[in-house]
Amino acid sequence: MNSIKKDLFDLFQLDKMPPEKANEMLERLASLVFQAVLVRSLPLLSEEDLTEYERITTSEDEDGATLFLFLSQKVPEFNKIVTEEAWLLRKGMEEKLG
């Protein structure tokens, strides 16, 4: 499990769920966070970097590791953005659940 998924696992206390359900939920949460991160990150890239982003997204990077590494190198405070989006998701979920 990569460090971001571990952080999400801990943040959302997925250890309280059965392992199969926890893994399913973790994948959903990671996808939501990553989408939010992309929305914030893509406008910060140069034209050249956007071209590289497009090349990476059309390649065989199935687990997203190459894309994640690229964004972490090109987007200022990328890790901070990831953390903020994870917390915003959790806060939003808490508000909806009461």
C-alpha atoms as a PDB file:
ATOM      1  CA  MET A   1       0.000   0.000   0.000  1.00  0.00           C
ATOM      2  CA  ASN A   2       1.489   3.354  -0.965  1.00  0.00           C
ATOM      3  CA  SER A   3       1.774   6.101   1.625  1.00  0.00           C
ATOM      4  CA  ILE A   4      -1.225   8.063   0.390  1.00  0.00           C
ATOM      5  CA  LYS A   5      -3.462   5.031   0.489  1.00  0.00           C
ATOM      6  CA  LYS A   6      -2.151   4.235   3.958  1.00  0.00           C
ATOM      7  CA  ASP A   7      -2.960   7.790   5.046  1.00  0.00           C
ATOM      8  CA  LEU A   8      -6.476   7.450   3.605  1.00  0.00           C
ATOM      9  CA  PHE A   9      -6.861   4.060   5.290  1.00  0.00           C
ATOM     10  CA  ASP A  10      -5.969   5.641   8.630  1.00  0.00           C
ATOM     11  CA  LEU A  11      -7.855   8.901   8.090  1.00  0.00           C
ATOM     12  CA  PHE A  12     -11.100   7.111   7.299  1.00  0.00           C
ATOM     13  CA  GLN A  13     -10.519   4.405   9.938  1.00  0.00           C
ATOM     14  CA  LEU A  14     -11.002   1.633   7.407  1.00  0.00           C
ATOM     15  CA  ASP A  15      -9.451  -0.864   9.810  1.00  0.00           C
ATOM     16  CA  LYS A  16     -12.896  -1.030  11.447  1.00  0.00           C
ATOM     17  CA  MET A  17     -14.347  -2.584   8.287  1.00  0.00           C
ATOM     18  CA  PRO A  18     -13.977  -6.125   6.988  1.00  0.00           C
ATOM     19  CA  PRO A  19     -10.789  -6.274   4.861  1.00  0.00           C
ATOM     20  CA  GLU A  20     -12.568  -6.806   1.542  1.00  0.00           C
ATOM     21  CA  LYS A  21     -14.943  -3.878   2.146  1.00  0.00           C
ATOM     22  CA  ALA A  22     -12.082  -1.732   3.418  1.00  0.00           C
ATOM     23  CA  ASN A  23     -10.059  -2.336   0.250  1.00  0.00           C
ATOM     24  CA  GLU A  24     -13.051  -1.512  -1.940  1.00  0.00           C
ATOM     25  CA  MET A  25     -13.716   1.678   0.018  1.00  0.00           C
ATOM     26  CA  LEU A  26     -10.032   2.604  -0.088  1.00  0.00           C
ATOM     27  CA  GLU A  27      -9.999   2.386  -3.885  1.00  0.00           C
ATOM     28  CA  ARG A  28     -13.098   4.592  -4.109  1.00  0.00           C
ATOM     29  CA  LEU A  29     -11.678   7.165  -1.705  1.00  0.00           C
ATOM     30  CA  ALA A  30      -8.319   7.231  -3.482  1.00  0.00           C
ATOM     31  CA  SER A  31     -10.079   7.801  -6.791  1.00  0.00           C
ATOM     32  CA  LEU A  32     -12.147  10.683  -5.394  1.00  0.00           C
ATOM     33  CA  VAL A  33      -9.128  12.328  -3.808  1.00  0.00           C
ATOM     34  CA  PHE A  34      -7.043  11.904  -6.952  1.00  0.00           C
ATOM     35  CA  GLN A  35      -9.768  13.480  -9.108  1.00  0.00           C
ATOM     36  CA  ALA A  36      -9.936  16.483  -6.770  1.00  0.00           C
ATOM     37  CA  VAL A  37      -6.149  16.747  -6.794  1.00  0.00           C
ATOM     38  CA  LEU A  38      -6.114  16.750 -10.594  1.00  0.00           C
ATOM     39  CA  VAL A  39      -8.678  19.548 -10.697  1.00  0.00           C
ATOM     40  CA  ARG A  40      -6.387  21.670  -8.548  1.00  0.00           C
ATOM     41  CA  SER A  41      -3.093  20.561 -10.109  1.00  0.00           C
ATOM     42  CA  LEU A  42      -3.661  20.695 -13.859  1.00  0.00           C
ATOM     43  CA  PRO A  43      -4.131  24.483 -14.048  1.00  0.00           C
ATOM     44  CA  LEU A  44      -0.712  24.873 -12.399  1.00  0.00           C
ATOM     45  CA  LEU A  45       1.128  23.023 -15.180  1.00  0.00           C
ATOM     46  CA  SER A  46       2.900  24.723 -18.068  1.00  0.00           C
ATOM     47  CA  GLU A  47       1.953  23.913 -21.667  1.00  0.00           C
ATOM     48  CA  GLU A  48       5.006  21.670 -21.890  1.00  0.00           C
ATOM     49  CA  ASP A  49       4.059  19.888 -18.690  1.00  0.00           C
ATOM     50  CA  LEU A  50       0.481  19.439 -19.924  1.00  0.00           C
ATOM     51  CA  THR A  51       1.842  17.734 -23.022  1.00  0.00           C
ATOM     52  CA  GLU A  52       3.863  15.397 -20.824  1.00  0.00           C
ATOM     53  CA  TYR A  53       0.779  14.803 -18.640  1.00  0.00           C
ATOM     54  CA  GLU A  54      -1.200  13.764 -21.722  1.00  0.00           C
ATOM     55  CA  ARG A  55       1.598  11.417 -22.797  1.00  0.00           C
ATOM     56  CA  ILE A  56       1.665   9.786 -19.363  1.00  0.00           C
ATOM     57  CA  THR A  57      -2.097   9.394 -19.177  1.00  0.00           C
ATOM     58  CA  THR A  58      -2.207   7.631 -22.530  1.00  0.00           C
ATOM     59  CA  SER A  59       0.570   5.204 -21.567  1.00  0.00           C
ATOM     60  CA  GLU A  60       0.325   1.902 -19.703  1.00  0.00           C
ATOM     61  CA  ASP A  61       0.656   3.429 -16.220  1.00  0.00           C
ATOM     62  CA  GLU A  62      -1.994   1.220 -14.650  1.00  0.00           C
ATOM     63  CA  ASP A  63      -1.342   2.012 -11.003  1.00  0.00           C
ATOM     64  CA  GLY A  64      -0.804   5.733 -11.581  1.00  0.00           C
ATOM     65  CA  ALA A  65       2.673   5.724 -10.047  1.00  0.00           C
ATOM     66  CA  THR A  66       4.308   7.510 -12.983  1.00  0.00           C
ATOM     67  CA  LEU A  67       1.610  10.171 -13.088  1.00  0.00           C
ATOM     68  CA  PHE A  68       1.770  10.667  -9.338  1.00  0.00           C
ATOM     69  CA  LEU A  69       5.551  11.055  -9.435  1.00  0.00           C
ATOM     70  CA  PHE A  70       5.310  13.501 -12.343  1.00  0.00           C
ATOM     71  CA  LEU A  71       2.735  15.674 -10.580  1.00  0.00           C
ATOM     72  CA  SER A  72       4.667  15.620  -7.316  1.00  0.00           C
ATOM     73  CA  GLN A  73       7.697  16.976  -9.200  1.00  0.00           C
ATOM     74  CA  LYS A  74       5.830  19.609 -11.230  1.00  0.00           C
ATOM     75  CA  VAL A  75       3.134  20.938  -8.909  1.00  0.00           C
ATOM     76  CA  PRO A  76       4.241  23.173  -6.049  1.00  0.00           C
ATOM     77  CA  GLU A  77       3.057  21.835  -2.686  1.00  0.00           C
ATOM     78  CA  PHE A  78       1.556  18.749  -4.325  1.00  0.00           C
ATOM     79  CA  ASN A  79       1.615  16.715  -1.109  1.00  0.00           C
ATOM     80  CA  LYS A  80      -0.166  19.528   0.703  1.00  0.00           C
ATOM     81  CA  ILE A  81      -2.877  19.516  -1.967  1.00  0.00           C
ATOM     82  CA  VAL A  82      -3.329  15.758  -1.562  1.00  0.00           C
ATOM     83  CA  THR A  83      -3.633  16.088   2.208  1.00  0.00           C
ATOM     84  CA  GLU A  84      -6.086  18.982   1.955  1.00  0.00           C
ATOM     85  CA  GLU A  85      -8.299  17.118  -0.490  1.00  0.00           C
ATOM     86  CA  ALA A  86      -8.340  14.010   1.690  1.00  0.00           C
ATOM     87  CA  TRP A  87      -9.384  16.071   4.704  1.00  0.00           C
ATOM     88  CA  LEU A  88     -12.019  17.939   2.678  1.00  0.00           C
ATOM     89  CA  LEU A  89     -13.490  14.622   1.562  1.00  0.00           C
ATOM     90  CA  ARG A  90     -13.578  13.333   5.118  1.00  0.00           C
ATOM     91  CA  LYS A  91     -15.169  16.547   6.378  1.00  0.00           C
ATOM     92  CA  GLY A  92     -17.775  16.406   3.626  1.00  0.00           C
ATOM     93  CA  MET A  93     -18.599  12.808   4.447  1.00  0.00           C
ATOM     94  CA  GLU A  94     -18.869  13.577   8.174  1.00  0.00           C
ATOM     95  CA  GLU A  95     -21.267  16.447   7.455  1.00  0.00           C
ATOM     96  CA  LYS A  96     -23.477  14.241   5.288  1.00  0.00           C
ATOM     97  CA  LEU A  97     -23.503  11.453   7.861  1.00  0.00           C
ATOM     98  CA  GLY A  98     -24.394  13.806  10.669  1.00  0.00           C
END
